[in-house]
């Protein structure tokens, strides 16, 4: 898992803790997608599942700007 400097996370939100909450919500969303693929994999052997850690993917998506969020607390 690549190390993401805290300076990059600080640029995204005013608060590191807010960034952690956003990344955690995104990680839950990614994990739900992965669990759906696992369920389909049992039925269909043609699917491929990403082996990287969900938290690392979520943080990288946040830093790269692929996660959209509202200050109201919901992510998209």
C-alpha atoms as a PDB file:
ATOM      1  CA  UNK A   1       0.000   0.000   0.000  1.00  0.00           C
ATOM      2  CA  UNK A   2       1.512   3.340  -0.996  1.00  0.00           C
ATOM      3  CA  UNK A   3       2.078   5.882   1.724  1.00  0.00           C
ATOM      4  CA  UNK A   4       0.019   9.026   1.237  1.00  0.00           C
ATOM      5  CA  UNK A   5       1.580  12.131   2.779  1.00  0.00           C
ATOM      6  CA  UNK A   6      -0.623  14.024   5.211  1.00  0.00           C
ATOM      7  CA  UNK A   7       0.103  17.241   3.296  1.00  0.00           C
ATOM      8  CA  UNK A   8      -1.913  15.871   0.361  1.00  0.00           C
ATOM      9  CA  UNK A   9      -4.823  15.001   2.642  1.00  0.00           C
ATOM     10  CA  UNK A  10      -4.671  18.465   4.265  1.00  0.00           C
ATOM     11  CA  UNK A  11      -5.220  20.094   0.840  1.00  0.00           C
ATOM     12  CA  UNK A  12      -8.537  18.276   0.388  1.00  0.00           C
ATOM     13  CA  UNK A  13     -10.366  19.308   3.539  1.00  0.00           C
ATOM     14  CA  UNK A  14      -9.842  21.754   6.367  1.00  0.00           C
ATOM     15  CA  UNK A  15      -9.570  18.918   8.815  1.00  0.00           C
ATOM     16  CA  UNK A  16      -7.674  15.589   8.677  1.00  0.00           C
ATOM     17  CA  UNK A  17     -10.382  13.888  10.692  1.00  0.00           C
ATOM     18  CA  UNK A  18     -12.990  14.906   8.143  1.00  0.00           C
ATOM     19  CA  UNK A  19     -10.785  13.416   5.408  1.00  0.00           C
ATOM     20  CA  UNK A  20     -10.537  10.159   7.354  1.00  0.00           C
ATOM     21  CA  UNK A  21     -14.330   9.994   7.699  1.00  0.00           C
ATOM     22  CA  UNK A  22     -14.772  10.652   3.972  1.00  0.00           C
ATOM     23  CA  UNK A  23     -12.196   7.985   3.080  1.00  0.00           C
ATOM     24  CA  UNK A  24     -13.845   5.508   5.483  1.00  0.00           C
ATOM     25  CA  UNK A  25     -17.250   6.048   3.885  1.00  0.00           C
ATOM     26  CA  UNK A  26     -15.727   5.584   0.439  1.00  0.00           C
ATOM     27  CA  UNK A  27     -13.950   2.420   1.634  1.00  0.00           C
ATOM     28  CA  UNK A  28     -17.281   0.988   2.816  1.00  0.00           C
ATOM     29  CA  UNK A  29     -18.757   1.721  -0.603  1.00  0.00           C
ATOM     30  CA  UNK A  30     -15.806   0.036  -2.357  1.00  0.00           C
ATOM     31  CA  UNK A  31     -16.036  -2.956  -0.021  1.00  0.00           C
ATOM     32  CA  UNK A  32     -19.744  -3.386  -0.806  1.00  0.00           C
ATOM     33  CA  UNK A  33     -18.898  -3.442  -4.520  1.00  0.00           C
ATOM     34  CA  UNK A  34     -16.144  -6.006  -3.869  1.00  0.00           C
ATOM     35  CA  UNK A  35     -18.521  -8.231  -1.884  1.00  0.00           C
ATOM     36  CA  UNK A  36     -20.992  -8.139  -4.790  1.00  0.00           C
ATOM     37  CA  UNK A  37     -18.197  -9.274  -7.120  1.00  0.00           C
ATOM     38  CA  UNK A  38     -17.276 -12.098  -4.738  1.00  0.00           C
ATOM     39  CA  UNK A  39     -20.878 -13.282  -4.719  1.00  0.00           C
ATOM     40  CA  UNK A  40     -20.916 -13.196  -8.529  1.00  0.00           C
ATOM     41  CA  UNK A  41     -17.546 -14.936  -8.656  1.00  0.00           C
ATOM     42  CA  UNK A  42     -19.034 -17.962  -6.945  1.00  0.00           C
ATOM     43  CA  UNK A  43     -21.496 -18.192  -9.828  1.00  0.00           C
ATOM     44  CA  UNK A  44     -19.235 -17.036 -12.646  1.00  0.00           C
ATOM     45  CA  UNK A  45     -15.500 -17.813 -12.812  1.00  0.00           C
ATOM     46  CA  UNK A  46     -14.783 -15.027 -15.342  1.00  0.00           C
ATOM     47  CA  UNK A  47     -14.711 -12.068 -12.923  1.00  0.00           C
ATOM     48  CA  UNK A  48     -11.510 -10.472 -11.660  1.00  0.00           C
ATOM     49  CA  UNK A  49     -11.202  -8.926  -8.190  1.00  0.00           C
ATOM     50  CA  UNK A  50      -8.696  -6.209  -7.272  1.00  0.00           C
ATOM     51  CA  UNK A  51      -6.373  -7.508  -4.547  1.00  0.00           C
ATOM     52  CA  UNK A  52      -5.300  -4.129  -3.170  1.00  0.00           C
ATOM     53  CA  UNK A  53      -6.381  -2.983   0.284  1.00  0.00           C
ATOM     54  CA  UNK A  54      -9.670  -1.101   0.314  1.00  0.00           C
ATOM     55  CA  UNK A  55      -8.412   1.631   2.659  1.00  0.00           C
ATOM     56  CA  UNK A  56      -5.433   2.354   0.422  1.00  0.00           C
ATOM     57  CA  UNK A  57      -7.651   2.586  -2.637  1.00  0.00           C
ATOM     58  CA  UNK A  58     -10.084   4.896  -0.804  1.00  0.00           C
ATOM     59  CA  UNK A  59      -7.337   7.259   0.373  1.00  0.00           C
ATOM     60  CA  UNK A  60      -5.734   7.352  -3.069  1.00  0.00           C
ATOM     61  CA  UNK A  61      -9.122   8.088  -4.668  1.00  0.00           C
ATOM     62  CA  UNK A  62      -9.624  10.920  -2.159  1.00  0.00           C
ATOM     63  CA  UNK A  63      -6.224  12.455  -2.873  1.00  0.00           C
ATOM     64  CA  UNK A  64      -6.679  12.089  -6.647  1.00  0.00           C
ATOM     65  CA  UNK A  65     -10.043  13.876  -6.496  1.00  0.00           C
ATOM     66  CA  UNK A  66     -12.153  10.882  -7.554  1.00  0.00           C
ATOM     67  CA  UNK A  67     -14.319  11.133  -4.427  1.00  0.00           C
ATOM     68  CA  UNK A  68     -16.961  13.831  -4.392  1.00  0.00           C
ATOM     69  CA  UNK A  69     -18.413  14.865  -1.046  1.00  0.00           C
ATOM     70  CA  UNK A  70     -20.683  17.459   0.526  1.00  0.00           C
ATOM     71  CA  UNK A  71     -19.924  19.115   3.809  1.00  0.00           C
ATOM     72  CA  UNK A  72     -23.298  17.761   4.966  1.00  0.00           C
ATOM     73  CA  UNK A  73     -21.648  14.381   5.473  1.00  0.00           C
ATOM     74  CA  UNK A  74     -22.607  12.307   2.420  1.00  0.00           C
ATOM     75  CA  UNK A  75     -20.149  11.078  -0.205  1.00  0.00           C
ATOM     76  CA  UNK A  76     -20.815  10.433  -3.846  1.00  0.00           C
END
